[in-house]
Amino acid sequence: MPLAQLISADQLQARLDDPTLVILDCRFALDAPDYGARSYAEGHIPGAHFADLEKDLSGPVSRGVTGRHPLPDAHELVEKLRAWGICNDSPVVLYDDAPGAFAARAWWLLAWLGKREGVYLLDGGLKAWKEAGLPVDTQQPAVAPGNFSGKADSRLLLNASELQQRLDSAELTLLDARALPRFKGEVEPLDPVAGHIPGAQCAVFSDNLGADGRFLPAEQLRARFDALRGHRPVEAVVAYCGSGVTACHNLFAMSLAGYPLAPLYAGSWSEWITDPTRPVATGD
């Protein structure tokens, strides 16, 4: 079974009566942290639980040490996943109402903890659900605690020191998921330093989607990442972004394209710049 899987709104609607299904609403807004919880309370896909990026899918921020969305403690996250009813064999559907970045963060966290089958992103997100004329409700779902027994896989991560040691490698393909103006250092709305990690390539995560907000076909995604990688080995791809969120969208898209799951520099740009001795580049 492929690691990255999509589910359509109609396919999800047909499975809503499955008692083993767990749905997580991952809506969030970087400029309004209460947006997701407020939107969930106003209406969500029936049966969905709310997973907050900062309270559930991230750990505490340490100023000057971590990035803006450090990884959560693995044991604490496992407990939350169990509280939402997730078992080792549960089908899980993730969605948001952005281009899928917050849902992809949840997908990556599940993969990090070892759940690599039966996890789906709702293609097109809540927008596609509503466009299909499907209902939302405001009920908090009842839940029977799950027995998920995940364990963090350190092979899926690269820390700042490890990445810095690899920057001079001719084999490294370092993909930055942020928008081009942020990558170039022309603007920086979120972090105190502008620019990118030297040697990185701009791989804007939203380019994984078509105009309809759904993921591009696998062959188009493959062509995209093949062009970025060139002749460098698949095993030397590393993903990052501003805080370890939108990079997960690229990792999901690469997995859809048939790539193996590449490591994530989870601290990303917002952690990289906490140490002024780390190099910074601007421009292309």
Protein backbone atom coordinates (compact mmCIF):
# COMPACT_ATOMS: atom_id res chain seq x y z
CA MET A 1 0.00 0.00 0.00
CA PRO A 2 1.43 3.42 -0.93
CA LEU A 3 2.56 5.64 1.93
CA ALA A 4 0.81 8.73 0.55
CA GLN A 5 -2.86 8.26 -0.30
CA LEU A 6 -5.65 10.59 -1.30
CA ILE A 7 -9.36 10.21 -0.74
CA SER A 8 -12.08 12.15 -2.55
CA ALA A 9 -15.01 13.81 -0.84
CA ASP A 10 -17.42 11.26 -2.28
CA GLN A 11 -15.22 8.37 -1.21
CA LEU A 12 -15.03 9.75 2.31
CA GLN A 13 -18.77 10.32 2.48
CA ALA A 14 -19.32 6.67 1.55
CA ARG A 15 -17.15 5.59 4.51
CA LEU A 16 -18.61 7.80 7.24
CA ASP A 17 -20.51 4.89 8.78
CA ASP A 18 -17.31 2.86 9.24
CA PRO A 19 -16.91 2.63 13.05
CA THR A 20 -13.13 2.21 12.70
CA LEU A 21 -12.67 5.43 10.70
CA VAL A 22 -10.99 8.38 12.43
CA ILE A 23 -11.16 11.85 10.87
CA LEU A 24 -8.97 14.74 12.01
CA ASP A 25 -9.79 18.35 11.20
CA CYS A 26 -6.41 20.11 11.02
CA ARG A 27 -7.51 23.64 10.14
CA PHE A 28 -5.20 26.42 11.30
CA ALA A 29 -4.11 29.94 10.38
CA LEU A 30 -0.62 31.19 11.16
CA ASP A 31 -1.88 34.73 11.66
CA ALA A 32 -4.86 33.71 13.84
CA PRO A 33 -4.04 30.72 16.07
CA ASP A 34 -7.63 30.38 17.32
CA TYR A 35 -9.01 30.16 13.77
CA GLY A 36 -8.96 26.37 13.56
CA ALA A 37 -10.81 25.68 16.81
CA ARG A 38 -13.33 28.41 16.05
CA SER A 39 -13.95 27.08 12.54
CA TYR A 40 -14.27 23.52 13.81
CA ALA A 41 -16.91 24.62 16.33
CA GLU A 42 -18.86 26.37 13.56
CA GLY A 43 -18.99 23.21 11.44
CA HIS A 44 -16.86 20.24 10.48
CA ILE A 45 -17.10 16.97 8.60
CA PRO A 46 -19.34 14.64 10.63
CA GLY A 47 -17.36 12.58 13.11
CA ALA A 48 -14.18 14.65 12.85
CA HIS A 49 -12.00 15.49 15.84
CA PHE A 50 -10.03 18.73 15.96
CA ALA A 51 -6.22 18.56 15.88
CA ASP A 52 -4.62 21.91 16.61
CA LEU A 53 -1.28 22.61 14.94
CA GLU A 54 0.22 24.37 17.94
CA LYS A 55 -1.47 22.53 20.83
CA ASP A 56 -1.50 19.00 19.40
CA LEU A 57 0.81 18.72 16.41
CA SER A 58 3.71 20.78 17.80
CA GLY A 59 5.73 20.94 20.98
CA PRO A 60 6.48 23.99 23.14
CA VAL A 61 8.57 26.76 21.60
CA SER A 62 11.83 27.71 23.33
CA ARG A 63 12.79 31.20 22.22
CA GLY A 64 16.22 31.30 20.66
CA VAL A 65 16.48 27.50 20.56
CA THR A 66 13.63 25.95 18.57
CA GLY A 67 11.73 26.95 15.47
CA ARG A 68 8.13 28.13 15.52
CA HIS A 69 6.61 24.63 15.41
CA PRO A 70 8.96 22.11 17.02
CA LEU A 71 7.94 18.49 16.91
CA PRO A 72 5.69 17.32 19.74
CA ASP A 73 6.91 14.82 22.29
CA ALA A 74 6.33 11.44 20.66
CA HIS A 75 4.83 9.84 23.76
CA GLU A 76 2.43 12.73 24.32
CA LEU A 77 1.35 12.65 20.68
CA VAL A 78 0.70 8.90 20.86
CA GLU A 79 -1.60 9.53 23.84
CA LYS A 80 -3.51 12.19 21.90
CA LEU A 81 -3.87 9.91 18.89
CA ARG A 82 -5.25 7.20 21.16
CA ALA A 83 -7.66 9.71 22.72
CA TRP A 84 -9.01 10.43 19.24
CA GLY A 85 -9.67 6.71 18.84
CA ILE A 86 -6.75 5.76 16.62
CA CYS A 87 -5.64 2.14 16.66
CA ASN A 88 -2.76 0.59 14.78
CA ASP A 89 -5.08 -0.51 11.98
CA SER A 90 -7.48 2.45 11.96
CA PRO A 91 -8.16 4.17 8.66
CA VAL A 92 -7.42 7.87 9.23
CA VAL A 93 -8.51 10.81 7.07
CA LEU A 94 -6.91 14.23 7.49
CA TYR A 95 -8.12 17.55 6.13
CA ASP A 96 -7.85 21.31 6.42
CA ASP A 97 -9.21 24.22 4.42
CA ALA A 98 -5.85 25.50 3.27
CA PRO A 99 -3.90 23.77 0.48
CA GLY A 100 -3.39 20.73 2.70
CA ALA A 101 -0.22 21.76 4.54
CA PHE A 102 -1.60 21.32 8.06
CA ALA A 103 -3.15 17.99 7.15
CA ALA A 104 0.18 16.94 5.63
CA ARG A 105 1.93 17.80 8.89
CA ALA A 106 -0.41 15.37 10.67
CA TRP A 107 0.26 12.76 7.95
CA TRP A 108 4.01 13.12 8.43
CA LEU A 109 3.71 12.84 12.21
CA LEU A 110 1.75 9.61 11.84
CA ALA A 111 4.41 8.27 9.47
CA TRP A 112 7.12 9.36 11.93
CA LEU A 113 5.38 7.31 14.62
CA GLY A 114 5.14 4.29 12.35
CA LYS A 115 1.58 4.47 11.01
CA ARG A 116 2.22 4.20 7.30
CA GLU A 117 -0.87 2.42 6.04
CA GLY A 118 -4.46 3.57 5.82
CA VAL A 119 -3.74 7.30 6.24
CA TYR A 120 -5.39 9.60 3.68
CA LEU A 121 -5.47 13.29 2.86
CA LEU A 122 -8.84 14.59 1.72
CA ASP A 123 -8.03 15.81 -1.79
CA GLY A 124 -9.13 19.42 -2.07
CA GLY A 125 -9.80 19.64 1.66
CA LEU A 126 -12.97 20.99 3.21
CA LYS A 127 -13.55 23.15 0.13
CA ALA A 128 -13.96 20.02 -2.00
CA TRP A 129 -16.29 18.53 0.63
CA LYS A 130 -18.54 21.59 0.55
CA GLU A 131 -18.40 21.87 -3.23
CA ALA A 132 -19.74 18.30 -3.38
CA GLY A 133 -22.76 19.46 -1.38
CA LEU A 134 -21.89 17.27 1.58
CA PRO A 135 -22.96 18.14 5.13
CA VAL A 136 -21.06 19.54 8.07
CA ASP A 137 -22.15 19.40 11.68
CA THR A 138 -21.21 20.90 15.02
CA GLN A 139 -21.31 17.76 17.17
CA GLN A 140 -18.31 16.69 19.19
CA PRO A 141 -17.97 12.99 18.30
CA ALA A 142 -18.07 10.30 20.94
CA VAL A 143 -14.93 8.21 20.97
CA ALA A 144 -13.67 4.91 22.30
CA PRO A 145 -9.95 5.27 23.14
CA GLY A 146 -7.64 3.60 20.65
CA ASN A 147 -4.60 1.42 21.22
CA PHE A 148 -2.12 3.02 18.81
CA SER A 149 1.40 1.98 19.75
CA GLY A 150 3.58 4.25 17.67
CA LYS A 151 7.28 4.91 18.16
CA ALA A 152 9.29 7.78 16.69
CA ASP A 153 11.57 6.93 13.75
CA SER A 154 14.71 9.06 13.94
CA ARG A 155 15.63 8.11 10.36
CA LEU A 156 12.99 10.53 9.10
CA LEU A 157 14.67 13.52 10.72
CA LEU A 158 17.76 15.63 10.19
CA ASN A 159 18.85 18.17 12.78
CA ALA A 160 20.57 21.50 12.11
CA SER A 161 24.07 20.23 12.83
CA GLU A 162 23.65 17.22 10.56
CA LEU A 163 22.30 19.38 7.76
CA GLN A 164 25.08 21.95 8.12
CA GLN A 165 27.67 19.20 7.76
CA ARG A 166 26.06 18.16 4.46
CA LEU A 167 25.74 21.59 2.84
CA ASP A 168 28.93 21.17 0.82
CA SER A 169 27.88 17.78 -0.55
CA ALA A 170 27.37 17.74 -4.30
CA GLU A 171 24.75 15.02 -3.80
CA LEU A 172 22.41 17.02 -1.54
CA THR A 173 19.04 18.19 -2.86
CA LEU A 174 17.69 20.61 -0.27
CA LEU A 175 14.11 21.70 -0.98
CA ASP A 176 12.59 24.81 0.61
CA ALA A 177 8.78 24.78 0.50
CA ARG A 178 8.28 28.52 1.14
CA ALA A 179 7.12 31.05 -1.44
CA LEU A 180 9.80 32.48 -3.74
CA PRO A 181 9.89 36.02 -2.25
CA ARG A 182 10.59 34.56 1.21
CA PHE A 183 13.16 32.16 -0.23
CA LYS A 184 14.97 35.04 -1.92
CA GLY A 185 14.85 37.12 1.23
CA GLU A 186 12.81 39.88 -0.39
CA VAL A 187 10.13 39.64 2.31
CA GLU A 188 9.89 37.84 5.63
CA PRO A 189 6.52 38.14 7.38
CA LEU A 190 7.13 35.55 10.11
CA ASP A 191 10.80 35.30 11.06
CA PRO A 192 13.41 37.91 12.12
CA VAL A 193 15.93 36.99 9.40
CA ALA A 194 15.18 36.71 5.69
CA GLY A 195 16.72 34.35 3.16
CA HIS A 196 17.31 30.63 2.84
CA ILE A 197 19.77 27.89 3.74
CA PRO A 198 22.71 27.97 1.29
CA GLY A 199 22.40 25.48 -1.53
CA ALA A 200 18.64 25.10 -1.18
CA GLN A 201 16.22 25.21 -4.09
CA CYS A 202 12.83 26.86 -3.93
CA ALA A 203 10.12 24.19 -4.23
CA VAL A 204 6.93 26.06 -3.36
CA PHE A 205 4.56 23.56 -1.79
CA SER A 206 1.45 24.99 -3.43
CA ASP A 207 2.87 24.05 -6.84
CA ASN A 208 1.96 20.45 -5.93
CA LEU A 209 -1.66 21.41 -6.59
CA GLY A 210 -3.70 22.22 -9.63
CA ALA A 211 -5.94 25.25 -10.03
CA ASP A 212 -8.76 23.30 -8.37
CA GLY A 213 -6.77 22.87 -5.16
CA ARG A 214 -6.32 19.15 -5.69
CA PHE A 215 -3.00 17.35 -6.01
CA LEU A 216 -1.50 17.07 -9.46
CA PRO A 217 -1.34 13.59 -11.03
CA ALA A 218 1.54 11.46 -9.81
CA GLU A 219 3.39 11.64 -13.12
CA GLN A 220 3.36 15.46 -13.05
CA LEU A 221 4.60 15.47 -9.47
CA ARG A 222 7.33 13.03 -10.43
CA ALA A 223 8.44 15.30 -13.27
CA ARG A 224 8.49 18.27 -10.92
CA PHE A 225 10.72 16.67 -8.31
CA ASP A 226 12.89 14.90 -10.88
CA ALA A 227 13.65 18.32 -12.40
CA LEU A 228 14.55 19.74 -8.99
CA ARG A 229 16.73 16.74 -8.13
CA GLY A 230 18.51 16.48 -11.46
CA HIS A 231 21.08 13.69 -11.42
CA ARG A 232 21.56 13.72 -7.67
CA PRO A 233 20.56 10.55 -5.78
CA VAL A 234 17.03 10.14 -4.49
CA GLU A 235 18.44 9.17 -1.10
CA ALA A 236 20.03 12.63 -0.66
CA VAL A 237 16.83 14.71 -0.77
CA VAL A 238 16.02 16.78 2.36
CA ALA A 239 12.92 18.92 2.91
CA TYR A 240 12.48 22.07 4.98
CA CYS A 241 10.36 25.22 5.10
CA GLY A 242 9.70 27.96 7.64
CA SER A 243 8.82 25.81 10.63
CA GLY A 244 8.49 22.19 9.53
CA VAL A 245 4.89 22.36 8.30
CA THR A 246 4.67 23.09 4.57
CA ALA A 247 7.74 20.90 3.96
CA CYS A 248 5.48 17.97 4.87
CA HIS A 249 3.31 18.88 1.88
CA ASN A 250 6.33 18.38 -0.38
CA LEU A 251 7.14 15.10 1.36
CA PHE A 252 3.57 13.91 0.81
CA ALA A 253 3.66 14.97 -2.85
CA MET A 254 7.00 13.25 -3.38
CA SER A 255 5.56 10.10 -1.86
CA LEU A 256 2.58 10.35 -4.23
CA ALA A 257 5.12 10.58 -7.04
CA GLY A 258 6.79 7.36 -5.94
CA TYR A 259 9.75 8.81 -4.09
CA PRO A 260 10.82 7.21 -0.81
CA LEU A 261 10.03 9.31 2.25
CA ALA A 262 12.87 11.81 2.50
CA PRO A 263 14.09 13.21 5.82
CA LEU A 264 12.67 16.43 7.22
CA TYR A 265 14.69 19.20 8.79
CA ALA A 266 11.87 19.82 11.24
CA GLY A 267 13.27 22.95 12.87
CA SER A 268 13.52 24.53 9.43
CA TRP A 269 14.31 28.18 8.74
CA SER A 270 12.90 29.52 12.00
CA GLU A 271 15.28 27.26 13.95
CA TRP A 272 18.23 27.64 11.58
CA ILE A 273 18.42 31.38 12.19
CA THR A 274 18.49 31.07 15.99
CA ASP A 275 22.25 30.46 15.67
CA PRO A 276 23.92 33.47 13.99
CA THR A 277 26.94 31.35 13.06
CA ARG A 278 24.85 29.30 10.62
CA PRO A 279 25.16 30.54 7.05
CA VAL A 280 22.35 32.41 5.30
CA ALA A 281 21.84 33.05 1.60
CA THR A 282 19.60 35.45 -0.30
CA GLY A 283 18.54 35.76 -3.91
CA ASP A 284 18.24 32.78 -6.21
